[in-house]
Protein backbone atom coordinates (compact mmCIF):
# COMPACT_ATOMS: atom_id res chain seq x y z
CA MET A 1 -178.22 -80.89 -22.04
CA ASP A 2 -178.59 -81.80 -25.79
CA TRP A 3 -181.80 -79.87 -25.81
CA PHE A 4 -180.43 -76.77 -24.37
CA ASN A 5 -177.27 -76.99 -26.80
CA ALA A 6 -179.52 -77.30 -29.75
CA LEU A 7 -181.72 -74.40 -28.69
CA SER A 8 -178.77 -72.28 -27.85
CA LYS A 9 -177.65 -72.62 -31.56
CA GLY A 10 -181.07 -72.09 -32.97
CA ASP A 11 -181.22 -75.67 -34.27
CA GLU A 12 -184.82 -76.39 -34.14
CA GLN A 13 -184.76 -79.85 -35.70
CA SER A 14 -182.12 -81.14 -33.11
CA ALA A 15 -184.01 -79.37 -30.26
CA GLU A 16 -187.20 -81.32 -31.24
CA ALA A 17 -185.28 -84.64 -31.49
CA ALA A 18 -183.95 -84.13 -27.89
CA ARG A 19 -187.23 -82.65 -26.59
CA SER A 20 -188.57 -86.03 -25.47
CA LYS A 21 -185.85 -86.18 -22.86
CA VAL A 22 -187.13 -82.89 -21.40
CA GLN A 23 -190.77 -84.00 -21.66
CA THR A 24 -190.03 -87.18 -19.64
CA GLY A 25 -188.26 -85.27 -17.05
CA ALA A 26 -184.76 -86.54 -17.80
CA ILE A 27 -183.25 -83.01 -17.25
CA ALA A 28 -186.00 -81.22 -15.57
CA GLU A 29 -184.44 -81.77 -12.06
CA THR A 30 -181.20 -79.91 -13.20
CA ALA A 31 -183.02 -77.10 -14.99
CA MET A 32 -183.58 -74.95 -11.94
CA ILE A 33 -181.06 -72.34 -11.26
CA ASP A 34 -181.39 -69.30 -9.02
CA GLY A 35 -185.11 -69.68 -8.79
CA LEU A 36 -185.95 -70.17 -12.45
CA ASP A 37 -187.02 -73.46 -14.19
CA PHE A 38 -185.31 -72.97 -17.59
CA VAL A 39 -187.16 -75.77 -19.06
CA ALA A 40 -190.55 -74.40 -17.95
CA ALA A 41 -189.60 -70.85 -19.20
CA ILE A 42 -188.69 -72.01 -22.49
CA GLU A 43 -191.63 -74.32 -22.93
CA ALA A 44 -193.98 -71.42 -21.92
CA HIS A 45 -192.57 -69.25 -24.51
CA ARG A 46 -192.64 -71.85 -27.18
CA LYS A 47 -196.37 -72.48 -26.43
CA TRP A 48 -197.33 -68.88 -27.00
CA LYS A 49 -197.27 -69.35 -30.81
CA GLU A 50 -200.02 -72.25 -30.37
CA ARG A 51 -202.00 -69.94 -27.98
CA LEU A 52 -201.84 -66.93 -30.31
CA THR A 53 -202.67 -68.85 -33.34
CA ALA A 54 -205.66 -70.42 -31.78
CA TYR A 55 -206.78 -66.94 -30.51
CA VAL A 56 -206.42 -65.30 -33.82
CA GLN A 57 -208.21 -68.12 -35.50
CA GLY A 58 -211.04 -67.75 -32.92
CA THR A 59 -210.69 -71.30 -31.65
CA SER A 60 -209.41 -70.23 -28.27
CA SER A 61 -211.54 -69.91 -25.11
CA GLU A 62 -208.79 -67.88 -23.52
CA LYS A 63 -209.50 -64.25 -22.60
CA LEU A 64 -206.23 -62.54 -23.47
CA ASP A 65 -205.47 -58.89 -22.48
CA TYR A 66 -203.04 -57.25 -24.69
CA LYS A 67 -202.36 -54.63 -22.08
CA THR A 68 -201.12 -57.23 -19.75
CA ILE A 69 -199.45 -59.43 -22.36
CA CYS A 70 -197.21 -56.28 -23.37
CA ARG A 71 -195.70 -56.20 -19.90
CA ASP A 72 -192.60 -58.42 -19.68
CA ASP A 73 -192.74 -58.54 -16.03
CA GLN A 74 -195.91 -60.74 -15.66
CA CYS A 75 -194.89 -64.14 -16.61
CA ALA A 76 -192.66 -66.31 -14.56
CA LEU A 77 -189.52 -65.53 -16.69
CA GLY A 78 -190.20 -61.76 -16.49
CA LYS A 79 -190.68 -61.78 -12.87
CA TRP A 80 -187.34 -63.68 -12.54
CA ILE A 81 -185.61 -61.29 -15.02
CA HIS A 82 -186.95 -58.29 -12.99
CA GLY A 83 -186.07 -59.75 -9.70
CA THR A 84 -183.81 -62.64 -8.71
CA GLY A 85 -182.28 -62.77 -12.16
CA ALA A 86 -181.24 -59.17 -12.22
CA THR A 87 -179.79 -59.47 -8.76
CA ALA A 88 -177.76 -62.59 -9.57
CA LEU A 89 -176.85 -62.00 -13.30
CA GLY A 90 -177.30 -58.32 -13.97
CA GLU A 91 -173.72 -57.75 -14.71
CA LEU A 92 -173.72 -60.41 -17.66
CA PRO A 93 -174.29 -59.04 -21.05
CA ILE A 94 -176.36 -62.10 -22.26
CA PHE A 95 -178.71 -61.34 -19.27
CA HIS A 96 -179.45 -57.93 -20.66
CA HIS A 97 -179.82 -59.27 -24.28
CA LEU A 98 -182.44 -61.68 -22.91
CA LYS A 99 -184.15 -59.02 -20.96
CA ALA A 100 -184.54 -56.79 -24.26
CA LYS A 101 -185.50 -59.79 -26.46
CA HIS A 102 -188.09 -60.99 -23.82
CA ALA A 103 -189.61 -57.55 -23.68
CA GLN A 104 -189.74 -57.48 -27.61
CA PHE A 105 -191.48 -60.89 -27.63
CA HIS A 106 -194.18 -59.58 -25.22
CA VAL A 107 -194.73 -56.27 -27.16
CA THR A 108 -195.14 -58.26 -30.50
CA ALA A 109 -197.39 -61.02 -28.84
CA SER A 110 -199.60 -58.12 -27.34
CA ARG A 111 -199.70 -56.49 -30.81
CA ILE A 112 -201.18 -59.72 -32.34
CA VAL A 113 -203.80 -60.04 -29.69
CA GLU A 114 -204.76 -56.36 -30.04
CA LEU A 115 -205.10 -56.83 -33.91
CA ALA A 116 -207.24 -59.91 -33.26
CA GLN A 117 -209.49 -57.97 -30.85
CA GLN A 118 -209.81 -55.20 -33.43
CA ALA A 119 -211.14 -57.94 -35.87
CA ASP A 120 -207.98 -57.44 -38.12
CA LYS A 121 -207.42 -61.13 -38.51
CA LYS A 122 -205.30 -60.62 -41.54
CA SER A 123 -202.84 -58.34 -39.94
CA ALA A 124 -202.68 -60.45 -36.79
CA GLN A 125 -202.00 -63.50 -38.69
CA ALA A 126 -199.31 -61.75 -40.83
CA LEU A 127 -197.55 -60.55 -37.62
CA LEU A 128 -197.75 -63.95 -36.01
CA GLY A 129 -196.27 -65.71 -39.10
CA GLY A 130 -193.88 -63.01 -39.78
CA SER A 131 -190.29 -62.74 -38.85
CA GLU A 132 -190.63 -60.24 -36.06
CA TYR A 133 -192.57 -62.51 -33.81
CA GLY A 134 -190.76 -65.70 -34.94
CA LYS A 135 -187.29 -64.05 -34.53
CA ALA A 136 -188.20 -62.72 -31.13
CA SER A 137 -189.50 -66.10 -29.80
CA ILE A 138 -186.61 -68.12 -31.07
CA GLU A 139 -184.06 -65.49 -29.67
CA VAL A 140 -185.58 -65.75 -26.17
CA GLN A 141 -185.30 -69.51 -26.29
CA MET A 142 -181.89 -69.23 -27.52
CA LEU A 143 -180.68 -66.81 -25.01
CA LEU A 144 -182.27 -68.74 -22.16
CA SER A 145 -180.45 -71.95 -23.21
CA ARG A 146 -177.16 -70.00 -23.54
CA LEU A 147 -177.64 -68.43 -20.20
CA TYR A 148 -178.36 -71.74 -18.75
CA GLY A 149 -175.23 -73.17 -20.28
CA GLU A 150 -173.13 -70.36 -18.91
CA MET A 151 -174.48 -70.79 -15.51
CA GLN A 152 -173.95 -74.59 -15.77
CA ARG A 153 -170.34 -74.04 -16.84
CA GLY A 154 -169.83 -71.54 -13.93
CA ARG A 155 -171.10 -73.86 -11.44
CA ALA A 156 -168.83 -76.61 -12.67
CA ALA A 157 -165.81 -74.40 -12.49
CA THR A 158 -166.45 -73.58 -8.73
């Protein structure tokens, strides 16, 4: 729970310190709620920066399609947001905030790939290193952590 708490506050240093517990599976068994593995969803979105960096630098063997990446309903989190999550949590304001930030994240990641494919490496790197992408990425992680916390508290209260 320390990892989720640190992420929900945007505290990257504390989150990194608590990350080893997640990687060893200490909390993985309790991170599945309503069909979403919150740890896997957060980690998948954290890894996008590494993937995009390698892609922009030309060191990736991945074939990325910006037209697919811009769709926020293609990854596991997006499928959950547009399906089970909407059904189970659609009345919560935090859920709608997560949905909007997740969509923004995908649009920005898509634009980075598109710029890289247009051989505009400088603009792609600027967008990747800029505040728009970084803020969207961190906010998705924070909102997922907060939503997880709310769901855990709700379950404990019942």
